[in-house]
Protein backbone atom coordinates (compact mmCIF):
# COMPACT_ATOMS: atom_id res chain seq x y z
CA MET A 1 -8.76 -1.81 -24.31
CA LEU A 2 -10.57 -4.23 -22.01
CA SER A 3 -14.37 -3.87 -22.03
CA VAL A 4 -16.30 -5.35 -19.13
CA ALA A 5 -20.08 -5.59 -18.97
CA LEU A 6 -21.55 -4.55 -15.61
CA GLY A 7 -25.02 -5.76 -14.76
CA VAL A 8 -27.41 -4.50 -12.10
CA ARG A 9 -26.03 -6.89 -9.47
CA ASP A 10 -22.48 -5.83 -10.29
CA LEU A 11 -23.34 -2.16 -9.83
CA ALA A 12 -25.08 -2.97 -6.55
CA ASN A 13 -21.96 -4.77 -5.31
CA ILE A 14 -19.28 -2.17 -5.98
CA ARG A 15 -17.21 -1.68 -2.84
CA PHE A 16 -13.83 -0.37 -1.71
CA ALA A 17 -11.02 -2.11 0.17
CA LEU A 18 -7.40 -1.59 1.17
CA SER A 19 -4.72 -4.26 0.81
CA PRO A 20 -1.39 -4.23 2.67
CA LEU A 21 -0.47 -7.43 0.81
CA TRP A 22 -0.89 -5.76 -2.56
CA GLU A 23 1.20 -2.78 -1.43
CA ALA A 24 4.03 -5.10 -0.36
CA VAL A 25 3.94 -7.03 -3.63
CA ALA A 26 3.63 -3.95 -5.85
CA SER A 27 6.46 -2.18 -4.02
CA VAL A 28 8.88 -4.88 -5.18
CA ARG A 29 8.94 -3.18 -8.59
CA VAL A 30 10.19 0.02 -6.94
CA VAL A 31 12.97 -1.78 -5.08
CA LYS A 32 14.06 -3.52 -8.27
CA ASN A 33 14.01 -0.45 -10.47
CA PRO A 34 13.64 2.80 -8.50
CA ASP A 35 14.47 4.96 -11.52
CA TRP A 36 11.06 4.09 -12.97
CA PHE A 37 9.29 5.40 -9.86
CA PRO A 38 10.72 8.82 -9.00
CA ALA A 39 7.92 9.62 -6.54
CA HIS A 40 9.00 6.67 -4.38
CA GLN A 41 12.76 7.22 -4.40
CA PRO A 42 12.83 8.72 -0.86
CA TRP A 43 11.09 5.55 0.35
CA HIS A 44 13.50 3.38 -1.60
CA ARG A 45 16.58 5.08 -0.13
CA GLN A 46 15.35 4.32 3.39
CA VAL A 47 14.13 0.79 2.73
CA ARG A 48 16.87 -0.67 0.55
CA PRO A 49 19.48 -1.00 3.38
CA ARG A 50 16.93 -2.72 5.64
CA LEU A 51 16.22 -5.37 2.99
CA SER A 52 19.86 -6.47 2.91
CA THR A 53 19.19 -9.02 5.67
CA VAL A 54 15.81 -10.19 4.31
CA ASP A 55 15.42 -13.22 2.04
CA TRP A 56 12.73 -12.31 -0.50
CA ARG A 57 14.05 -14.14 -3.57
CA LEU A 58 10.88 -16.13 -4.28
CA LEU A 59 8.79 -12.97 -4.06
CA ALA A 60 11.25 -11.24 -6.40
CA ASP A 61 10.88 -14.04 -8.94
CA LEU A 62 7.09 -13.63 -8.89
CA VAL A 63 7.32 -9.89 -9.60
CA PRO A 64 9.68 -9.51 -12.57
CA VAL A 65 10.59 -6.12 -13.99
CA PRO A 66 9.20 -5.04 -16.36
CA THR A 67 6.02 -6.50 -14.91
CA VAL A 68 3.51 -7.79 -17.44
CA VAL A 69 1.47 -9.88 -15.01
CA ILE A 70 1.57 -10.76 -11.32
CA PRO A 71 0.13 -14.23 -10.57
CA ALA A 72 -3.34 -13.87 -9.08
CA PHE A 73 -2.60 -16.00 -6.02
CA VAL A 74 0.23 -13.70 -4.91
CA CYS A 75 -2.16 -10.84 -4.15
CA ALA A 76 -5.73 -12.10 -4.21
CA PRO A 77 -8.50 -9.51 -3.64
CA PRO A 78 -8.90 -8.75 0.08
CA LEU A 79 -11.81 -10.48 1.78
CA THR A 80 -12.68 -7.52 4.02
CA ALA A 81 -12.55 -3.75 3.63
CA GLN A 82 -9.43 -3.34 5.79
CA PRO A 83 -7.71 -6.70 6.23
CA THR A 84 -4.50 -7.12 8.16
CA LEU A 85 -1.46 -8.41 6.34
CA GLU A 86 -1.66 -11.55 8.49
CA LEU A 87 -5.20 -12.25 7.27
CA GLU A 88 -4.19 -11.81 3.65
CA LEU A 89 -1.11 -14.02 4.06
CA ALA A 90 -3.25 -16.75 5.64
CA ALA A 91 -5.52 -16.65 2.58
CA LEU A 92 -2.46 -16.79 0.30
CA ALA A 93 -1.08 -19.85 2.11
CA ALA A 94 -4.45 -21.61 1.69
CA THR A 95 -4.57 -21.17 -2.10
CA PRO A 96 -5.50 -24.49 -3.78
CA PRO A 97 -2.54 -26.11 -5.56
CA GLU A 98 -4.39 -26.19 -8.88
CA ALA A 99 -4.88 -22.41 -8.74
CA VAL A 100 -1.16 -21.91 -8.09
CA ARG A 101 -0.17 -24.11 -11.02
CA ALA A 102 -2.70 -22.49 -13.37
CA ALA A 103 -1.37 -19.02 -12.53
CA LEU A 104 2.24 -20.10 -12.99
CA ASP A 105 1.35 -21.70 -16.34
CA GLY A 106 0.14 -18.27 -17.46
CA LEU A 107 3.47 -16.56 -16.85
CA PRO A 108 5.61 -15.73 -19.88
CA GLY A 109 9.13 -17.02 -20.36
CA PRO A 110 11.05 -19.91 -18.76
CA ARG A 111 10.30 -20.93 -15.18
CA PRO A 112 13.24 -20.20 -12.81
CA PRO A 113 14.20 -22.83 -10.20
CA ARG A 114 12.34 -21.25 -7.27
CA LEU A 115 9.12 -21.05 -9.27
CA ALA A 116 9.65 -24.62 -10.43
CA ALA A 117 9.84 -25.71 -6.79
CA LEU A 118 6.65 -23.77 -6.04
CA TYR A 119 4.94 -25.48 -8.98
CA ALA A 120 6.08 -28.92 -7.82
CA ASP A 121 4.95 -28.44 -4.19
CA PRO A 122 2.49 -25.54 -3.87
CA PRO A 123 1.71 -25.94 -0.12
CA ALA A 124 5.39 -25.81 0.87
CA GLY A 125 6.12 -23.05 -1.63
CA LEU A 126 3.19 -20.94 -0.43
CA ALA A 127 4.31 -21.30 3.18
CA ARG A 128 7.74 -20.04 2.17
CA LEU A 129 6.25 -17.21 0.10
CA ALA A 130 4.03 -16.07 2.99
CA GLU A 131 7.05 -16.04 5.29
CA GLU A 132 9.10 -14.05 2.78
CA ILE A 133 6.35 -11.49 2.20
CA GLY A 134 5.91 -11.10 5.95
CA ALA A 135 9.61 -10.41 6.46
CA TYR A 136 9.76 -8.10 3.44
CA ALA A 137 6.70 -6.16 4.62
CA ASP A 138 8.14 -5.82 8.13
CA ALA A 139 11.08 -3.96 6.63
CA ALA A 140 9.46 -2.11 3.74
CA ILE A 141 5.79 -1.50 4.54
CA ALA A 142 4.99 -1.83 8.25
CA PRO A 143 6.91 1.27 9.44
CA TYR A 144 5.03 3.39 6.90
CA TRP A 145 1.62 1.70 7.04
CA PRO A 146 -0.13 4.25 9.33
CA ARG A 147 0.62 7.06 6.86
CA MET A 148 -0.17 4.89 3.85
CA ARG A 149 -3.44 3.76 5.38
CA THR A 150 -4.43 7.36 6.17
CA LEU A 151 -3.83 8.38 2.55
CA LEU A 152 -5.71 5.34 1.21
CA GLU A 153 -8.63 5.83 3.58
CA ARG A 154 -8.88 9.42 2.37
CA GLU A 155 -8.97 8.12 -1.21
CA VAL A 156 -11.85 5.79 -0.31
CA LEU A 157 -13.76 8.67 1.28
CA VAL A 158 -13.28 10.77 -1.85
CA GLY A 159 -14.58 7.92 -4.00
CA ALA A 160 -17.55 7.29 -1.74
CA GLY A 161 -18.40 10.99 -1.73
CA ARG A 162 -18.17 11.12 -5.50
CA MET A 163 -20.51 8.13 -5.82
CA ALA A 164 -22.98 9.77 -3.42
CA ALA A 165 -22.94 13.01 -5.43
CA ASP A 166 -22.66 11.72 -9.00
CA GLY A 167 -23.67 8.07 -8.85
CA VAL A 168 -21.73 5.06 -10.06
CA GLN A 169 -21.14 6.62 -13.46
CA GLY A 170 -19.53 9.67 -11.86
CA LEU A 171 -17.34 7.46 -9.68
CA LEU A 172 -16.09 5.17 -12.44
CA ASN A 173 -15.55 7.98 -14.93
CA ARG A 174 -13.32 9.90 -12.52
CA ILE A 175 -11.56 7.16 -10.60
CA ASP A 176 -8.61 7.05 -13.01
CA PRO A 177 -7.76 8.45 -16.48
CA TYR A 178 -7.45 4.90 -17.82
CA VAL A 179 -10.92 3.87 -16.62
CA SER A 180 -14.33 4.91 -17.96
CA TRP A 181 -17.91 3.67 -17.82
CA ASP A 182 -20.52 4.11 -20.50
CA ASP A 183 -23.88 2.47 -21.13
CA GLY A 184 -23.29 -0.50 -18.82
CA THR A 185 -19.72 -1.19 -19.92
CA LEU A 186 -16.52 -0.55 -17.98
CA HIS A 187 -13.57 0.31 -20.22
CA VAL A 188 -10.07 -0.28 -18.83
CA ASP A 189 -7.11 0.87 -20.91
CA HIS A 190 -4.49 -1.80 -20.22
CA LEU A 191 -1.04 -1.91 -21.75
CA THR A 192 -1.15 -5.67 -22.35
CA ARG A 193 -4.79 -6.79 -22.19
CA ALA A 194 -7.73 -6.31 -24.52
CA GLY A 195 -11.05 -7.96 -25.30
CA ALA A 196 -14.40 -8.33 -23.58
CA ALA A 197 -15.53 -9.83 -20.27
CA ALA A 198 -18.56 -9.91 -18.01
CA LEU A 199 -18.68 -9.82 -14.21
CA ASP A 200 -21.89 -11.91 -14.06
CA GLY A 201 -23.11 -10.43 -10.79
CA ARG A 202 -19.86 -10.87 -8.87
CA GLY A 203 -19.56 -7.13 -8.28
CA LEU A 204 -16.41 -5.05 -8.44
CA LEU A 205 -13.82 -4.38 -5.75
CA LEU A 206 -12.03 -1.02 -6.02
CA VAL A 207 -8.62 -0.88 -4.31
CA PRO A 208 -6.70 2.41 -4.22
CA SER A 209 -2.96 1.87 -4.13
CA VAL A 210 0.22 3.66 -3.13
CA PHE A 211 2.53 1.50 -5.23
CA ALA A 212 0.36 0.87 -8.30
CA GLY A 213 2.48 3.24 -10.36
CA SER A 214 0.91 5.22 -13.18
CA ARG A 215 -1.43 2.51 -14.51
CA VAL A 216 -4.35 0.48 -13.23
CA TRP A 217 -4.13 -3.23 -12.38
CA SER A 218 -7.05 -5.58 -12.55
CA ASN A 219 -8.26 -9.14 -12.44
CA LEU A 220 -11.63 -9.08 -14.19
CA SER A 221 -11.58 -12.51 -15.78
CA GLU A 222 -14.37 -15.05 -15.55
CA ARG A 223 -12.12 -17.18 -13.31
CA ALA A 224 -11.72 -14.48 -10.67
CA PRO A 225 -14.03 -15.14 -7.67
CA GLN A 226 -13.95 -11.41 -6.89
CA PRO A 227 -13.22 -9.03 -9.79
CA VAL A 228 -10.83 -6.32 -8.64
CA LEU A 229 -9.58 -3.02 -10.02
CA ARG A 230 -6.53 -1.45 -8.37
CA TYR A 231 -5.86 2.17 -9.20
CA PRO A 232 -3.23 4.77 -8.16
CA ALA A 233 -4.15 6.92 -5.17
CA ARG A 234 -3.67 10.65 -5.51
CA ALA A 235 -0.99 12.73 -3.76
CA VAL A 236 1.33 9.74 -3.38
CA GLY A 237 4.32 11.96 -4.15
CA ALA A 238 3.76 13.86 -0.91
CA LEU A 239 3.66 10.68 1.17
CA TRP A 240 7.42 10.46 1.70
CA GLU A 241 8.09 14.20 1.87
CA ARG A 242 9.34 15.73 5.08
CA SER A 243 7.88 19.20 5.36
CA ALA A 244 10.30 22.03 6.08
CA ALA A 245 7.55 23.89 7.96
CA PRO A 246 7.77 23.90 11.77
CA ALA A 247 5.48 21.84 13.92
CA SER A 248 2.05 23.26 14.67
CA GLU A 249 2.07 25.85 17.45
CA ALA A 250 -1.31 24.55 18.65
CA LEU A 251 0.14 21.06 18.98
CA ALA A 252 3.24 22.44 20.72
CA ARG A 253 1.08 24.13 23.34
CA VAL A 254 -0.57 20.79 24.12
CA LEU A 255 2.39 18.39 23.87
CA GLY A 256 5.34 20.69 24.40
CA ARG A 257 7.68 21.99 21.72
CA THR A 258 10.06 19.01 21.65
CA ARG A 259 7.38 16.35 21.43
CA ALA A 260 5.44 18.25 18.78
CA THR A 261 8.66 18.61 16.78
CA LEU A 262 9.43 14.91 17.06
CA LEU A 263 5.94 14.01 15.81
CA HIS A 264 6.45 16.44 12.94
CA GLU A 265 9.78 14.82 12.06
CA LEU A 266 8.18 11.36 12.12
CA ALA A 267 6.30 12.07 8.90
CA VAL A 268 8.54 9.22 7.76
CA PRO A 269 9.81 6.57 10.21
CA ALA A 270 13.20 7.24 11.77
CA ALA A 271 15.61 5.94 14.41
CA THR A 272 16.52 7.80 17.59
CA THR A 273 19.97 8.84 16.34
CA GLU A 274 18.53 10.23 13.11
CA LEU A 275 15.91 12.23 15.01
CA ALA A 276 18.57 13.54 17.40
CA ARG A 277 20.68 14.70 14.46
CA ARG A 278 17.74 16.44 12.76
CA CYS A 279 16.52 18.18 15.90
CA GLY A 280 19.88 19.05 17.45
CA LEU A 281 19.09 17.14 20.63
CA ALA A 282 20.91 14.53 22.69
CA ALA A 283 19.91 10.95 21.85
CA GLY A 284 18.91 10.38 25.47
CA THR A 285 16.56 13.37 25.37
CA VAL A 286 14.94 12.14 22.19
CA SER A 287 14.56 8.66 23.65
CA HIS A 288 12.86 10.07 26.76
CA HIS A 289 10.29 12.02 24.74
CA LEU A 290 9.67 9.16 22.32
CA THR A 291 8.93 6.87 25.25
CA ALA A 292 6.31 9.34 26.49
CA LEU A 293 4.77 9.60 23.02
CA ARG A 294 4.73 5.82 22.70
CA ASP A 295 3.04 5.43 26.09
CA ALA A 296 0.38 7.89 24.90
CA GLY A 297 -0.24 5.83 21.76
CA LEU A 298 1.10 8.49 19.39
CA VAL A 299 4.16 6.63 18.12
CA GLY A 300 4.96 2.98 17.62
CA THR A 301 8.24 1.11 17.35
CA HIS A 302 9.28 -1.39 14.75
CA ARG A 303 12.56 -3.30 14.70
CA VAL A 304 14.14 -4.08 11.34
CA GLY A 305 17.43 -5.90 11.81
CA ARG A 306 19.62 -3.56 13.87
CA PHE A 307 17.26 -0.62 13.26
CA LEU A 308 14.62 0.37 15.82
CA LEU A 309 12.33 2.73 13.96
CA TYR A 310 9.72 5.06 15.38
CA ALA A 311 6.62 5.92 13.36
CA ARG A 312 3.51 7.98 13.94
CA THR A 313 0.37 6.01 14.72
CA SER A 314 -3.05 6.63 13.20
CA SER A 315 -3.97 8.52 16.38
CA ALA A 316 -1.02 10.86 15.84
CA GLU A 317 -1.95 11.38 12.19
CA ALA A 318 -5.49 12.35 13.26
CA LEU A 319 -4.15 14.66 15.97
CA ILE A 320 -1.82 16.44 13.53
CA ALA A 321 -4.54 16.78 10.92
CA GLY A 322 -6.91 18.22 13.53
CA ALA A 323 -4.34 20.76 14.67
CA GLY A 324 -4.25 22.23 11.18
CA PRO A 325 -1.28 23.60 9.20
CA PRO A 326 1.37 25.56 11.11
CA GLU A 327 0.43 28.87 9.56
CA ALA A 328 -3.19 28.47 10.68
CA ALA A 329 -2.44 27.35 14.21
CA GLY A 330 -1.62 30.75 15.70
CA GLY A 331 1.49 32.03 17.37
CA ALA A 332 3.16 30.86 20.55
CA GLU A 333 2.16 32.45 23.82
């Protein structure tokens, strides 16, 4: 058990943030050992073939499985509430060499050749790592990010509402089963860490996560410029599910049946041929409707090797949520 003292300034500086960089890094564990993460196996089945042309060996070395610790510089706390991956990678590339070496010194076991090269020349190694993470995220995270972000934003709203209703104590006591707060002390039940620490007025950054797994992750040490606690978001298992229910009738009346169906099928990103197979349509017909949806800002495209994937945008997610579930939308006219 890790016990962390929270002072008045720490409590006043509790905030939430999302981190696409953390999601990319944490997802490596799923790719390496999908059997440990059954909720993410549908994601893994789609992503694994796309990664066959991506070089992410240095990233893989920095996230061993089983994962005891991930070096702090690989996924530093985000500087803003909703940073882009590019912003986070720029911060990673600017990590001071001494911080890189100190983090690598803290890793257990022998240092493999790629990590030895990073240790010897941190600026060059960080540039390579940022490039690898960018390519990995293009294949594994970017096509799904609108849906992931929607789920994570909902988690932040739930937390903010809980804090408004029950105060900081109510928030921290219900944010995760492995986290509790009592009499000025935050208790975090880690598998590998124990002891006591103090935040000393630096505040606490709360980061909900899709790929955290079943446990919380934190960097609450005295050396951390921004203490951070990453915790599993709820309802992650439903993130990759493709509902068998038909598209909303209300949405169909606005967009047309085919376009509403295509948006419904894009609950997970897909290529034109896959959508044509699912919907029983000609590929040319699907392409025509997807172009219209893209022009309206409801779908986006993302190329991964030879795959051109379509994914719902945040605007489409909001539109679908506003239309309500199919059974509540009313019948067709």
